[in-house]
Amino acid sequence: MKILLVDDEEDARTLSAMALRLVGKFEVVERAEARTLVEAAVAEKPDVILLDVMLPEVDGPTALAVLLADERTRSIPVVFFTAKAMSSEIERLVAAGARGVITKPFDPRELAAQVRAAAGLA
């Protein structure tokens, strides 16, 4: 399975990608920004997109809206990463169309299972 991982923080992206590759056995494609997310999703055809909420230029919720508006990408499950663990924020992201939300900091040993569960992947 393939994950498109979008996080502007290099250390967080590297740790997440390592955990997903080593523990989850995912193929991981990394991006530092969401400006060209639709094009990356169309080219890479991921099974799930793991998307940071706070990104420069185009934030996660805006990127999700663009993905959902495009017929080529609207069926790709999107799971958000966020340090804002308030239930109202999580509810807002799910209401916007996210399949789930994983809070930071996260346990690298549990990340792959959390992504699979949130995205509905077997």
C-alpha atoms as a PDB file:
ATOM      1  CA  MET A   1       0.000   0.000   0.000  1.00  0.00           C
ATOM      2  CA  LYS A   2       1.110   3.519  -0.728  1.00  0.00           C
ATOM      3  CA  ILE A   3       0.864   6.617   1.448  1.00  0.00           C
ATOM      4  CA  LEU A   4       1.354  10.180   0.288  1.00  0.00           C
ATOM      5  CA  LEU A   5       2.761  11.897   3.396  1.00  0.00           C
ATOM      6  CA  VAL A   6       2.583  15.705   3.504  1.00  0.00           C
ATOM      7  CA  ASP A   7       4.320  17.509   6.364  1.00  0.00           C
ATOM      8  CA  ASP A   8       6.478  20.625   6.203  1.00  0.00           C
ATOM      9  CA  GLU A   9       8.477  19.702   9.324  1.00  0.00           C
ATOM     10  CA  GLU A  10      11.367  17.616   8.023  1.00  0.00           C
ATOM     11  CA  ASP A  11      12.051  15.766  11.287  1.00  0.00           C
ATOM     12  CA  ALA A  12       8.394  14.840  11.753  1.00  0.00           C
ATOM     13  CA  ARG A  13       8.109  13.780   8.100  1.00  0.00           C
ATOM     14  CA  THR A  14      11.255  11.636   8.328  1.00  0.00           C
ATOM     15  CA  LEU A  15      10.133   9.943  11.558  1.00  0.00           C
ATOM     16  CA  SER A  16       6.634   9.348  10.174  1.00  0.00           C
ATOM     17  CA  ALA A  17       7.945   7.937   6.905  1.00  0.00           C
ATOM     18  CA  MET A  18      10.371   5.600   8.702  1.00  0.00           C
ATOM     19  CA  ALA A  19       7.622   4.316  10.992  1.00  0.00           C
ATOM     20  CA  LEU A  20       5.240   3.764   8.100  1.00  0.00           C
ATOM     21  CA  ARG A  21       7.881   1.963   6.038  1.00  0.00           C
ATOM     22  CA  LEU A  22       9.430  -0.172   8.772  1.00  0.00           C
ATOM     23  CA  VAL A  23       6.450  -0.988  10.970  1.00  0.00           C
ATOM     24  CA  GLY A  24       3.606  -0.652   8.492  1.00  0.00           C
ATOM     25  CA  LYS A  25       5.387  -1.896   5.365  1.00  0.00           C
ATOM     26  CA  PHE A  26       3.902   1.009   3.410  1.00  0.00           C
ATOM     27  CA  GLU A  27       5.442   2.564   0.335  1.00  0.00           C
ATOM     28  CA  VAL A  28       5.767   6.231   1.322  1.00  0.00           C
ATOM     29  CA  VAL A  29       5.971   9.241  -0.961  1.00  0.00           C
ATOM     30  CA  GLU A  30       6.939  12.407   0.903  1.00  0.00           C
ATOM     31  CA  ARG A  31       6.010  16.019   0.205  1.00  0.00           C
ATOM     32  CA  ALA A  32       6.824  19.139   2.228  1.00  0.00           C
ATOM     33  CA  GLU A  33       3.897  21.239   0.996  1.00  0.00           C
ATOM     34  CA  ALA A  34       0.342  20.874  -0.287  1.00  0.00           C
ATOM     35  CA  ARG A  35       0.399  23.423  -3.095  1.00  0.00           C
ATOM     36  CA  THR A  36       0.652  20.693  -5.768  1.00  0.00           C
ATOM     37  CA  LEU A  37      -1.110  17.948  -3.817  1.00  0.00           C
ATOM     38  CA  VAL A  38      -3.715  17.117  -6.472  1.00  0.00           C
ATOM     39  CA  GLU A  39      -1.026  16.650  -9.105  1.00  0.00           C
ATOM     40  CA  ALA A  40       1.036  14.493  -6.729  1.00  0.00           C
ATOM     41  CA  ALA A  41      -2.009  12.388  -5.833  1.00  0.00           C
ATOM     42  CA  VAL A  42      -2.930  11.853  -9.473  1.00  0.00           C
ATOM     43  CA  ALA A  43       0.658  10.897 -10.358  1.00  0.00           C
ATOM     44  CA  GLU A  44       1.336   8.669  -7.326  1.00  0.00           C
ATOM     45  CA  LYS A  45      -2.120   7.087  -6.892  1.00  0.00           C
ATOM     46  CA  PRO A  46      -1.800   6.620  -3.114  1.00  0.00           C
ATOM     47  CA  ASP A  47      -4.117   4.427  -1.076  1.00  0.00           C
ATOM     48  CA  VAL A  48      -4.239   7.147   1.580  1.00  0.00           C
ATOM     49  CA  ILE A  49      -2.985  10.700   2.103  1.00  0.00           C
ATOM     50  CA  LEU A  50      -1.566  11.579   5.527  1.00  0.00           C
ATOM     51  CA  LEU A  51      -1.812  15.360   5.656  1.00  0.00           C
ATOM     52  CA  ASP A  52      -0.524  17.834   8.229  1.00  0.00           C
ATOM     53  CA  VAL A  53      -3.082  20.479   9.191  1.00  0.00           C
ATOM     54  CA  MET A  54      -0.673  23.397   9.524  1.00  0.00           C
ATOM     55  CA  LEU A  55       1.278  23.879   6.306  1.00  0.00           C
ATOM     56  CA  PRO A  56       2.735  26.976   4.621  1.00  0.00           C
ATOM     57  CA  GLU A  57       0.908  28.544   1.670  1.00  0.00           C
ATOM     58  CA  VAL A  58      -1.915  25.969   1.456  1.00  0.00           C
ATOM     59  CA  ASP A  59      -3.044  24.503   4.774  1.00  0.00           C
ATOM     60  CA  GLY A  60      -4.381  20.983   5.211  1.00  0.00           C
ATOM     61  CA  PRO A  61      -8.120  21.813   5.309  1.00  0.00           C
ATOM     62  CA  THR A  62      -7.805  23.903   2.144  1.00  0.00           C
ATOM     63  CA  ALA A  63      -5.875  21.087   0.438  1.00  0.00           C
ATOM     64  CA  LEU A  64      -8.569  18.605   1.495  1.00  0.00           C
ATOM     65  CA  ALA A  65     -11.274  20.783  -0.065  1.00  0.00           C
ATOM     66  CA  VAL A  66      -9.317  20.881  -3.331  1.00  0.00           C
ATOM     67  CA  LEU A  67      -8.828  17.090  -3.278  1.00  0.00           C
ATOM     68  CA  LEU A  68     -12.540  16.514  -2.650  1.00  0.00           C
ATOM     69  CA  ALA A  69     -13.510  18.893  -5.461  1.00  0.00           C
ATOM     70  CA  ASP A  70     -11.444  16.996  -8.042  1.00  0.00           C
ATOM     71  CA  GLU A  71     -13.045  13.807  -9.390  1.00  0.00           C
ATOM     72  CA  ARG A  72      -9.587  12.239  -9.821  1.00  0.00           C
ATOM     73  CA  THR A  73      -8.751  12.494  -6.110  1.00  0.00           C
ATOM     74  CA  ARG A  74     -12.014  12.696  -4.154  1.00  0.00           C
ATOM     75  CA  SER A  75     -12.074   8.966  -3.375  1.00  0.00           C
ATOM     76  CA  ILE A  76      -8.589   8.905  -1.802  1.00  0.00           C
ATOM     77  CA  PRO A  77      -8.940   8.712   1.991  1.00  0.00           C
ATOM     78  CA  VAL A  78      -7.322  11.655   3.781  1.00  0.00           C
ATOM     79  CA  VAL A  79      -6.157  11.354   7.378  1.00  0.00           C
ATOM     80  CA  PHE A  80      -4.982  14.499   9.146  1.00  0.00           C
ATOM     81  CA  PHE A  81      -1.991  14.934  11.427  1.00  0.00           C
ATOM     82  CA  THR A  82      -2.388  17.689  14.016  1.00  0.00           C
ATOM     83  CA  ALA A  83      -1.010  18.918  17.302  1.00  0.00           C
ATOM     84  CA  LYS A  84      -4.421  20.465  18.030  1.00  0.00           C
ATOM     85  CA  ALA A  85      -6.098  17.577  19.814  1.00  0.00           C
ATOM     86  CA  MET A  86      -9.201  19.467  20.931  1.00  0.00           C
ATOM     87  CA  SER A  87     -12.360  17.521  20.139  1.00  0.00           C
ATOM     88  CA  SER A  88     -13.897  20.532  18.380  1.00  0.00           C
ATOM     89  CA  GLU A  89     -10.928  20.700  15.980  1.00  0.00           C
ATOM     90  CA  ILE A  90     -11.099  16.964  15.286  1.00  0.00           C
ATOM     91  CA  GLU A  91     -14.860  17.182  14.683  1.00  0.00           C
ATOM     92  CA  ARG A  92     -14.327  20.117  12.290  1.00  0.00           C
ATOM     93  CA  LEU A  93     -11.752  18.184  10.254  1.00  0.00           C
ATOM     94  CA  VAL A  94     -13.912  15.067  10.040  1.00  0.00           C
ATOM     95  CA  ALA A  95     -16.939  17.170   9.091  1.00  0.00           C
ATOM     96  CA  ALA A  96     -14.848  18.690   6.291  1.00  0.00           C
ATOM     97  CA  GLY A  97     -14.312  15.222   4.824  1.00  0.00           C
ATOM     98  CA  ALA A  98     -11.266  13.726   6.541  1.00  0.00           C
ATOM     99  CA  ARG A  99     -11.488  10.009   7.289  1.00  0.00           C
ATOM    100  CA  GLY A 100      -9.725  10.519  10.590  1.00  0.00           C
ATOM    101  CA  VAL A 101      -7.300  12.538  12.667  1.00  0.00           C
ATOM    102  CA  ILE A 102      -4.053  11.412  14.302  1.00  0.00           C
ATOM    103  CA  THR A 103      -2.694  13.702  16.980  1.00  0.00           C
ATOM    104  CA  LYS A 104       0.925  14.727  17.419  1.00  0.00           C
ATOM    105  CA  PRO A 105       3.026  13.676  19.119  1.00  0.00           C
ATOM    106  CA  PHE A 106       2.356  10.112  18.031  1.00  0.00           C
ATOM    107  CA  ASP A 107       3.839   6.724  18.880  1.00  0.00           C
ATOM    108  CA  PRO A 108       5.881   5.589  15.846  1.00  0.00           C
ATOM    109  CA  ARG A 109       5.099   1.959  16.674  1.00  0.00           C
ATOM    110  CA  GLU A 110       1.356   2.668  16.446  1.00  0.00           C
ATOM    111  CA  LEU A 111       1.271   5.085  13.498  1.00  0.00           C
ATOM    112  CA  ALA A 112       0.727   2.523  10.721  1.00  0.00           C
ATOM    113  CA  ALA A 113      -2.136   0.873  12.616  1.00  0.00           C
ATOM    114  CA  GLN A 114      -3.684   4.280  13.321  1.00  0.00           C
ATOM    115  CA  VAL A 115      -3.516   5.225   9.634  1.00  0.00           C
ATOM    116  CA  ARG A 116      -4.999   1.903   8.537  1.00  0.00           C
ATOM    117  CA  ALA A 117      -7.840   2.191  11.058  1.00  0.00           C
ATOM    118  CA  ALA A 118      -8.628   5.829  10.269  1.00  0.00           C
ATOM    119  CA  ALA A 119      -8.548   5.294   6.494  1.00  0.00           C
ATOM    120  CA  GLY A 120     -10.491   2.032   6.623  1.00  0.00           C
ATOM    121  CA  LEU A 121      -7.663   0.034   5.075  1.00  0.00           C
ATOM    122  CA  ALA A 122      -7.376  -3.683   5.753  1.00  0.00           C
END
